[in-house]
Amino acid sequence: MRNAAVFFALLAFLFSPNLYSQISLQIGGGLGYVSPIGDYGGSTVDFYNGTKYGMSSGFNYHAKARVGLLGFNLFGIIEYSTVSGEGESEPGQGEVENSHSIFSIKAGPEFNISPPLSPVGFYVDGFISVNTFSGTVKFQGVAQVPSGEYDLESATRFGVGAGGGVLLDLIPIVTFDFGIHYNLYNIFGQTYTGTTTNPKRLDAYTSLNDDKDPLFGTDEDIYIIENTRAINAWQFTLTAMIGI
């Protein structure tokens, strides 16, 4: 009898009008700016040497959902980001164009720290992510690599991130969400992928290759990636959220 009473009390709580009045749902979409840092930044000379990816800034398009319950939020994001780099392969010679497209799914908790009855709010959050990379690389007049455009082999990595933002309720039912986040796209799943391409140095550029080349040190003209490389970036976003 006691267990049955607890069960029916729980049902009454879950389906009570008071609980549903405290549940909120927002959906929306927006744009962002992506700024690679660390190993994901650098120059195309770094990329040619296998030390960094040589990416400059890029853009982001995303859809976001936020569910709030009793002062605690959960959010999810689906986004598409593009970054690229362009420059020399060595000082004064060669041309390199390198681009990545990143399709990400992110989810995590969000903690609202908004003042009561204020149109301006603040939040901090954290998330896990699944990130799929694709892209191209183009060489012209580069030593060790034939000229041409090559596709990047698609690769998926698991990541984490954290950040926060400002919420502005300036229009009824619409919230403007200004966010800033740090993304580490490849905390899990780093891999070096070798193929049978000829010349073999193309392996270093046509796969994501965020792990060390196991043959590094055996031929410095072919096996050039010495260390595991982090793929990380700052991201700045503007999202228009609509309550439903």
C-alpha atoms as a PDB file:
ATOM      1  CA  MET A   1       0.000   0.000   0.000  1.00  0.00           C
ATOM      2  CA  ARG A   2       2.806   2.407   0.889  1.00  0.00           C
ATOM      3  CA  ASN A   3       4.530   1.850  -2.501  1.00  0.00           C
ATOM      4  CA  ALA A   4       1.236   2.404  -4.312  1.00  0.00           C
ATOM      5  CA  ALA A   5       0.677   5.650  -2.442  1.00  0.00           C
ATOM      6  CA  VAL A   6       4.138   6.902  -3.420  1.00  0.00           C
ATOM      7  CA  PHE A   7       3.524   5.907  -7.048  1.00  0.00           C
ATOM      8  CA  PHE A   8       0.210   7.780  -7.279  1.00  0.00           C
ATOM      9  CA  ALA A   9       1.685  10.810  -5.532  1.00  0.00           C
ATOM     10  CA  LEU A  10       4.475  10.910  -8.128  1.00  0.00           C
ATOM     11  CA  LEU A  11       1.970  10.672 -10.969  1.00  0.00           C
ATOM     12  CA  ALA A  12      -0.049  13.489  -9.463  1.00  0.00           C
ATOM     13  CA  PHE A  13       3.062  15.656  -9.290  1.00  0.00           C
ATOM     14  CA  LEU A  14       4.185  14.905 -12.863  1.00  0.00           C
ATOM     15  CA  PHE A  15       0.780  15.646 -14.341  1.00  0.00           C
ATOM     16  CA  SER A  16      -0.154  18.561 -12.139  1.00  0.00           C
ATOM     17  CA  PRO A  17      -0.932  21.933 -13.817  1.00  0.00           C
ATOM     18  CA  ASN A  18       1.522  23.592 -11.430  1.00  0.00           C
ATOM     19  CA  LEU A  19       4.430  21.550 -12.818  1.00  0.00           C
ATOM     20  CA  TYR A  20       3.535  22.246 -16.444  1.00  0.00           C
ATOM     21  CA  SER A  21       3.299  25.945 -15.719  1.00  0.00           C
ATOM     22  CA  GLN A  22       6.989  25.806 -14.783  1.00  0.00           C
ATOM     23  CA  ILE A  23       8.118  24.020 -17.947  1.00  0.00           C
ATOM     24  CA  SER A  24       9.334  26.242 -20.777  1.00  0.00           C
ATOM     25  CA  LEU A  25      10.370  25.447 -24.335  1.00  0.00           C
ATOM     26  CA  GLN A  26      12.214  27.687 -26.780  1.00  0.00           C
ATOM     27  CA  ILE A  27      13.384  26.995 -30.306  1.00  0.00           C
ATOM     28  CA  GLY A  28      15.276  29.192 -32.735  1.00  0.00           C
ATOM     29  CA  GLY A  29      18.162  29.692 -35.097  1.00  0.00           C
ATOM     30  CA  GLY A  30      21.007  32.042 -35.796  1.00  0.00           C
ATOM     31  CA  LEU A  31      24.480  32.824 -37.051  1.00  0.00           C
ATOM     32  CA  GLY A  32      27.936  32.663 -35.538  1.00  0.00           C
ATOM     33  CA  TYR A  33      31.603  33.489 -35.934  1.00  0.00           C
ATOM     34  CA  VAL A  34      34.262  30.799 -35.434  1.00  0.00           C
ATOM     35  CA  SER A  35      37.856  31.646 -34.471  1.00  0.00           C
ATOM     36  CA  PRO A  36      40.295  28.678 -34.531  1.00  0.00           C
ATOM     37  CA  ILE A  37      43.037  28.734 -31.894  1.00  0.00           C
ATOM     38  CA  GLY A  38      46.025  26.631 -30.874  1.00  0.00           C
ATOM     39  CA  ASP A  39      46.718  23.699 -33.181  1.00  0.00           C
ATOM     40  CA  TYR A  40      43.658  24.527 -35.267  1.00  0.00           C
ATOM     41  CA  GLY A  41      45.017  27.975 -36.092  1.00  0.00           C
ATOM     42  CA  GLY A  42      48.475  28.925 -37.267  1.00  0.00           C
ATOM     43  CA  SER A  43      49.521  29.514 -40.873  1.00  0.00           C
ATOM     44  CA  THR A  44      49.511  27.458 -44.052  1.00  0.00           C
ATOM     45  CA  VAL A  45      53.275  27.071 -43.540  1.00  0.00           C
ATOM     46  CA  ASP A  46      52.438  25.289 -40.268  1.00  0.00           C
ATOM     47  CA  PHE A  47      49.898  23.168 -42.128  1.00  0.00           C
ATOM     48  CA  TYR A  48      52.432  22.190 -44.787  1.00  0.00           C
ATOM     49  CA  ASN A  49      54.927  21.262 -42.040  1.00  0.00           C
ATOM     50  CA  GLY A  50      52.342  19.102 -40.217  1.00  0.00           C
ATOM     51  CA  THR A  51      52.367  21.070 -36.944  1.00  0.00           C
ATOM     52  CA  LYS A  52      49.019  22.902 -37.146  1.00  0.00           C
ATOM     53  CA  TYR A  53      45.954  23.106 -39.402  1.00  0.00           C
ATOM     54  CA  GLY A  54      46.476  26.706 -40.540  1.00  0.00           C
ATOM     55  CA  MET A  55      42.819  27.708 -40.263  1.00  0.00           C
ATOM     56  CA  SER A  56      41.586  31.285 -40.123  1.00  0.00           C
ATOM     57  CA  SER A  57      38.167  32.420 -38.931  1.00  0.00           C
ATOM     58  CA  GLY A  58      34.885  31.252 -40.416  1.00  0.00           C
ATOM     59  CA  PHE A  59      31.116  31.232 -39.962  1.00  0.00           C
ATOM     60  CA  ASN A  60      28.438  29.157 -38.327  1.00  0.00           C
ATOM     61  CA  TYR A  61      24.743  28.472 -38.959  1.00  0.00           C
ATOM     62  CA  HIS A  62      22.735  26.739 -36.266  1.00  0.00           C
ATOM     63  CA  ALA A  63      19.389  25.730 -34.790  1.00  0.00           C
ATOM     64  CA  LYS A  64      18.911  25.633 -31.017  1.00  0.00           C
ATOM     65  CA  ALA A  65      16.330  24.310 -28.567  1.00  0.00           C
ATOM     66  CA  ARG A  66      16.121  25.043 -24.834  1.00  0.00           C
ATOM     67  CA  VAL A  67      13.917  23.222 -22.314  1.00  0.00           C
ATOM     68  CA  GLY A  68      13.497  24.714 -18.855  1.00  0.00           C
ATOM     69  CA  LEU A  69      12.148  22.903 -15.795  1.00  0.00           C
ATOM     70  CA  LEU A  70      12.101  24.297 -12.240  1.00  0.00           C
ATOM     71  CA  GLY A  71      14.918  26.751 -12.944  1.00  0.00           C
ATOM     72  CA  PHE A  72      17.175  24.206 -14.661  1.00  0.00           C
ATOM     73  CA  ASN A  73      17.664  24.175 -18.453  1.00  0.00           C
ATOM     74  CA  LEU A  74      18.775  21.620 -20.998  1.00  0.00           C
ATOM     75  CA  PHE A  75      19.749  22.696 -24.508  1.00  0.00           C
ATOM     76  CA  GLY A  76      20.574  21.108 -27.837  1.00  0.00           C
ATOM     77  CA  ILE A  77      22.189  22.571 -30.961  1.00  0.00           C
ATOM     78  CA  ILE A  78      22.599  21.399 -34.534  1.00  0.00           C
ATOM     79  CA  GLU A  79      25.136  23.503 -36.397  1.00  0.00           C
ATOM     80  CA  TYR A  80      27.186  23.784 -39.569  1.00  0.00           C
ATOM     81  CA  SER A  81      30.498  25.659 -39.451  1.00  0.00           C
ATOM     82  CA  THR A  82      33.078  26.497 -42.098  1.00  0.00           C
ATOM     83  CA  VAL A  83      36.697  27.603 -41.616  1.00  0.00           C
ATOM     84  CA  SER A  84      39.547  27.976 -44.092  1.00  0.00           C
ATOM     85  CA  GLY A  85      43.147  29.030 -44.580  1.00  0.00           C
ATOM     86  CA  GLU A  86      45.064  30.367 -47.562  1.00  0.00           C
ATOM     87  CA  GLY A  87      48.733  31.214 -48.065  1.00  0.00           C
ATOM     88  CA  GLU A  88      52.195  29.893 -48.874  1.00  0.00           C
ATOM     89  CA  SER A  89      53.546  26.415 -48.213  1.00  0.00           C
ATOM     90  CA  GLU A  90      57.022  27.786 -47.501  1.00  0.00           C
ATOM     91  CA  PRO A  91      58.215  31.389 -47.208  1.00  0.00           C
ATOM     92  CA  GLY A  92      58.072  32.889 -50.700  1.00  0.00           C
ATOM     93  CA  GLN A  93      56.855  29.791 -52.552  1.00  0.00           C
ATOM     94  CA  GLY A  94      53.870  27.559 -53.172  1.00  0.00           C
ATOM     95  CA  GLU A  95      50.157  28.220 -52.710  1.00  0.00           C
ATOM     96  CA  VAL A  96      47.884  26.342 -50.290  1.00  0.00           C
ATOM     97  CA  GLU A  97      44.105  26.613 -49.854  1.00  0.00           C
ATOM     98  CA  ASN A  98      42.662  24.554 -47.012  1.00  0.00           C
ATOM     99  CA  SER A  99      39.025  24.407 -45.890  1.00  0.00           C
ATOM    100  CA  HIS A 100      36.970  22.432 -43.360  1.00  0.00           C
ATOM    101  CA  SER A 101      33.231  22.015 -42.949  1.00  0.00           C
ATOM    102  CA  ILE A 102      32.083  20.846 -39.507  1.00  0.00           C
ATOM    103  CA  PHE A 103      28.635  19.396 -38.817  1.00  0.00           C
ATOM    104  CA  SER A 104      28.036  19.275 -35.055  1.00  0.00           C
ATOM    105  CA  ILE A 105      25.369  18.066 -32.642  1.00  0.00           C
ATOM    106  CA  LYS A 106      25.712  19.453 -29.104  1.00  0.00           C
ATOM    107  CA  ALA A 107      23.744  18.973 -25.893  1.00  0.00           C
ATOM    108  CA  GLY A 108      24.176  19.812 -22.238  1.00  0.00           C
ATOM    109  CA  PRO A 109      22.963  21.633 -19.114  1.00  0.00           C
ATOM    110  CA  GLU A 110      22.485  25.362 -18.797  1.00  0.00           C
ATOM    111  CA  PHE A 111      22.367  27.332 -15.554  1.00  0.00           C
ATOM    112  CA  ASN A 112      20.392  30.568 -15.623  1.00  0.00           C
ATOM    113  CA  ILE A 113      21.560  33.385 -13.356  1.00  0.00           C
ATOM    114  CA  SER A 114      19.101  36.045 -14.462  1.00  0.00           C
ATOM    115  CA  PRO A 115      17.886  38.743 -12.039  1.00  0.00           C
ATOM    116  CA  PRO A 116      14.160  38.423 -11.237  1.00  0.00           C
ATOM    117  CA  LEU A 117      11.792  40.403 -13.500  1.00  0.00           C
ATOM    118  CA  SER A 118      14.686  41.736 -15.584  1.00  0.00           C
ATOM    119  CA  PRO A 119      14.639  41.790 -19.417  1.00  0.00           C
ATOM    120  CA  VAL A 120      18.372  40.980 -19.303  1.00  0.00           C
ATOM    121  CA  GLY A 121      19.557  37.548 -18.175  1.00  0.00           C
ATOM    122  CA  PHE A 122      22.769  35.552 -18.046  1.00  0.00           C
ATOM    123  CA  TYR A 123      23.677  31.882 -18.255  1.00  0.00           C
ATOM    124  CA  VAL A 124      26.624  29.505 -18.113  1.00  0.00           C
ATOM    125  CA  ASP A 125      26.626  26.085 -19.737  1.00  0.00           C
ATOM    126  CA  GLY A 126      28.604  23.043 -20.786  1.00  0.00           C
ATOM    127  CA  PHE A 127      28.106  20.434 -23.474  1.00  0.00           C
ATOM    128  CA  ILE A 128      29.284  17.310 -25.214  1.00  0.00           C
ATOM    129  CA  SER A 129      29.392  17.205 -29.008  1.00  0.00           C
ATOM    130  CA  VAL A 130      29.624  14.910 -32.006  1.00  0.00           C
ATOM    131  CA  ASN A 131      31.519  16.582 -34.870  1.00  0.00           C
ATOM    132  CA  THR A 132      31.885  15.401 -38.465  1.00  0.00           C
ATOM    133  CA  PHE A 133      34.601  16.988 -40.605  1.00  0.00           C
ATOM    134  CA  SER A 134      34.864  17.241 -44.382  1.00  0.00           C
ATOM    135  CA  GLY A 135      36.619  19.660 -46.716  1.00  0.00           C
ATOM    136  CA  THR A 136      39.189  20.194 -49.446  1.00  0.00           C
ATOM    137  CA  VAL A 137      42.828  21.121 -49.815  1.00  0.00           C
ATOM    138  CA  LYS A 138      44.397  22.679 -52.912  1.00  0.00           C
ATOM    139  CA  PHE A 139      48.108  22.866 -53.759  1.00  0.00           C
ATOM    140  CA  GLN A 140      49.828  24.871 -56.478  1.00  0.00           C
ATOM    141  CA  GLY A 141      53.598  24.805 -56.977  1.00  0.00           C
ATOM    142  CA  VAL A 142      54.213  23.051 -53.640  1.00  0.00           C
ATOM    143  CA  ALA A 143      57.268  20.872 -53.011  1.00  0.00           C
ATOM    144  CA  GLN A 144      56.656  17.163 -52.230  1.00  0.00           C
ATOM    145  CA  VAL A 145      52.987  17.324 -53.309  1.00  0.00           C
ATOM    146  CA  PRO A 146      51.552  17.402 -56.854  1.00  0.00           C
ATOM    147  CA  SER A 147      49.418  20.413 -57.735  1.00  0.00           C
ATOM    148  CA  GLY A 148      45.672  19.891 -57.635  1.00  0.00           C
ATOM    149  CA  GLU A 149      42.595  19.923 -55.419  1.00  0.00           C
ATOM    150  CA  TYR A 150      41.954  17.003 -53.064  1.00  0.00           C
ATOM    151  CA  ASP A 151      39.012  16.042 -50.854  1.00  0.00           C
ATOM    152  CA  LEU A 152      39.443  15.610 -47.119  1.00  0.00           C
ATOM    153  CA  GLU A 153      38.351  12.160 -45.991  1.00  0.00           C
ATOM    154  CA  SER A 154      35.269  12.533 -43.788  1.00  0.00           C
ATOM    155  CA  ALA A 155      35.960  11.932 -40.076  1.00  0.00           C
ATOM    156  CA  THR A 156      33.943  12.088 -36.852  1.00  0.00           C
ATOM    157  CA  ARG A 157      35.258  13.149 -33.449  1.00  0.00           C
ATOM    158  CA  PHE A 158      33.716  13.558 -29.990  1.00  0.00           C
ATOM    159  CA  GLY A 159      34.200  16.853 -28.197  1.00  0.00           C
ATOM    160  CA  VAL A 160      33.309  19.013 -25.212  1.00  0.00           C
ATOM    161  CA  GLY A 161      32.832  22.702 -24.615  1.00  0.00           C
ATOM    162  CA  ALA A 162      31.679  25.360 -22.197  1.00  0.00           C
ATOM    163  CA  GLY A 163      30.719  29.000 -22.132  1.00  0.00           C
ATOM    164  CA  GLY A 164      27.852  31.323 -21.423  1.00  0.00           C
ATOM    165  CA  GLY A 165      25.799  34.138 -22.743  1.00  0.00           C
ATOM    166  CA  VAL A 166      23.406  37.033 -22.353  1.00  0.00           C
ATOM    167  CA  LEU A 167      19.641  36.813 -22.896  1.00  0.00           C
ATOM    168  CA  LEU A 168      17.629  39.853 -23.976  1.00  0.00           C
ATOM    169  CA  ASP A 169      13.812  39.793 -23.836  1.00  0.00           C
ATOM    170  CA  LEU A 170      13.086  42.886 -25.913  1.00  0.00           C
ATOM    171  CA  ILE A 171      10.140  41.581 -27.955  1.00  0.00           C
ATOM    172  CA  PRO A 172       7.191  39.526 -26.646  1.00  0.00           C
ATOM    173  CA  ILE A 173       7.838  35.741 -26.975  1.00  0.00           C
ATOM    174  CA  VAL A 174      11.263  36.387 -28.618  1.00  0.00           C
ATOM    175  CA  THR A 175      14.572  36.120 -26.735  1.00  0.00           C
ATOM    176  CA  PHE A 176      17.874  37.177 -28.271  1.00  0.00           C
ATOM    177  CA  ASP A 177      20.665  34.869 -27.117  1.00  0.00           C
ATOM    178  CA  PHE A 178      24.234  36.222 -27.404  1.00  0.00           C
ATOM    179  CA  GLY A 179      26.639  33.359 -26.688  1.00  0.00           C
ATOM    180  CA  ILE A 180      30.388  32.797 -26.412  1.00  0.00           C
ATOM    181  CA  HIS A 181      31.787  29.282 -26.165  1.00  0.00           C
ATOM    182  CA  TYR A 182      35.044  27.375 -26.219  1.00  0.00           C
ATOM    183  CA  ASN A 183      34.911  24.234 -28.371  1.00  0.00           C
ATOM    184  CA  LEU A 184      37.304  21.302 -28.169  1.00  0.00           C
ATOM    185  CA  TYR A 185      36.110  19.264 -31.125  1.00  0.00           C
ATOM    186  CA  ASN A 186      38.321  16.182 -30.740  1.00  0.00           C
ATOM    187  CA  ILE A 187      38.824  15.236 -27.112  1.00  0.00           C
ATOM    188  CA  PHE A 188      38.074  11.605 -28.108  1.00  0.00           C
ATOM    189  CA  GLY A 189      38.713   9.650 -31.304  1.00  0.00           C
ATOM    190  CA  GLN A 190      42.043  11.081 -32.536  1.00  0.00           C
ATOM    191  CA  THR A 191      43.407   8.971 -35.380  1.00  0.00           C
ATOM    192  CA  TYR A 192      46.130   8.986 -37.990  1.00  0.00           C
ATOM    193  CA  THR A 193      44.880   7.572 -41.290  1.00  0.00           C
ATOM    194  CA  GLY A 194      47.391   6.272 -43.798  1.00  0.00           C
ATOM    195  CA  THR A 195      46.533   5.268 -47.367  1.00  0.00           C
ATOM    196  CA  THR A 196      48.405   4.063 -50.417  1.00  0.00           C
ATOM    197  CA  THR A 197      48.490   7.436 -52.144  1.00  0.00           C
ATOM    198  CA  ASN A 198      51.548   8.271 -54.201  1.00  0.00           C
ATOM    199  CA  PRO A 199      53.380  10.371 -53.202  1.00  0.00           C
ATOM    200  CA  LYS A 200      52.573   9.286 -49.657  1.00  0.00           C
ATOM    201  CA  ARG A 201      52.963  12.773 -48.188  1.00  0.00           C
ATOM    202  CA  LEU A 202      49.414  13.422 -49.377  1.00  0.00           C
ATOM    203  CA  ASP A 203      48.299  11.286 -46.407  1.00  0.00           C
ATOM    204  CA  ALA A 204      49.182  14.130 -44.072  1.00  0.00           C
ATOM    205  CA  TYR A 205      46.770  16.512 -45.807  1.00  0.00           C
ATOM    206  CA  THR A 206      43.840  14.466 -47.139  1.00  0.00           C
ATOM    207  CA  SER A 207      42.765  13.016 -43.776  1.00  0.00           C
ATOM    208  CA  LEU A 208      42.067  14.842 -40.514  1.00  0.00           C
ATOM    209  CA  ASN A 209      45.106  13.166 -38.911  1.00  0.00           C
ATOM    210  CA  ASP A 210      44.844  14.608 -35.415  1.00  0.00           C
ATOM    211  CA  ASP A 211      46.996  11.824 -33.939  1.00  0.00           C
ATOM    212  CA  LYS A 212      50.731  11.343 -34.368  1.00  0.00           C
ATOM    213  CA  ASP A 213      51.932   9.551 -37.508  1.00  0.00           C
ATOM    214  CA  PRO A 214      53.316   6.228 -36.197  1.00  0.00           C
ATOM    215  CA  LEU A 215      56.050   6.399 -38.859  1.00  0.00           C
ATOM    216  CA  PHE A 216      57.204   9.897 -37.897  1.00  0.00           C
ATOM    217  CA  GLY A 217      60.996  10.041 -37.856  1.00  0.00           C
ATOM    218  CA  THR A 218      61.557   7.371 -40.501  1.00  0.00           C
ATOM    219  CA  ASP A 219      61.426   9.792 -43.458  1.00  0.00           C
ATOM    220  CA  GLU A 220      61.135  13.529 -42.811  1.00  0.00           C
ATOM    221  CA  ASP A 221      59.909  14.203 -46.372  1.00  0.00           C
ATOM    222  CA  ILE A 222      56.897  11.881 -46.023  1.00  0.00           C
ATOM    223  CA  TYR A 223      55.936  11.348 -42.361  1.00  0.00           C
ATOM    224  CA  ILE A 224      55.621  14.862 -40.968  1.00  0.00           C
ATOM    225  CA  ILE A 225      53.010  14.797 -38.162  1.00  0.00           C
ATOM    226  CA  GLU A 226      54.939  14.468 -34.917  1.00  0.00           C
ATOM    227  CA  ASN A 227      52.266  15.104 -32.267  1.00  0.00           C
ATOM    228  CA  THR A 228      48.569  14.759 -31.515  1.00  0.00           C
ATOM    229  CA  ARG A 229      46.799  17.980 -32.560  1.00  0.00           C
ATOM    230  CA  ALA A 230      43.869  19.584 -30.741  1.00  0.00           C
ATOM    231  CA  ILE A 231      41.039  20.985 -32.868  1.00  0.00           C
ATOM    232  CA  ASN A 232      39.715  23.909 -30.880  1.00  0.00           C
ATOM    233  CA  ALA A 233      38.055  27.260 -31.469  1.00  0.00           C
ATOM    234  CA  TRP A 234      36.167  30.128 -29.886  1.00  0.00           C
ATOM    235  CA  GLN A 235      32.643  30.608 -31.126  1.00  0.00           C
ATOM    236  CA  PHE A 236      30.452  33.720 -30.930  1.00  0.00           C
ATOM    237  CA  THR A 237      26.762  33.335 -31.719  1.00  0.00           C
ATOM    238  CA  LEU A 238      23.546  35.296 -32.039  1.00  0.00           C
ATOM    239  CA  THR A 239      20.339  33.245 -31.802  1.00  0.00           C
ATOM    240  CA  ALA A 240      16.720  34.349 -31.944  1.00  0.00           C
ATOM    241  CA  MET A 241      14.666  32.066 -29.662  1.00  0.00           C
ATOM    242  CA  ILE A 242      10.865  31.834 -29.721  1.00  0.00           C
ATOM    243  CA  GLY A 243       8.893  30.463 -26.775  1.00  0.00           C
ATOM    244  CA  ILE A 244       6.263  27.847 -27.594  1.00  0.00           C
END
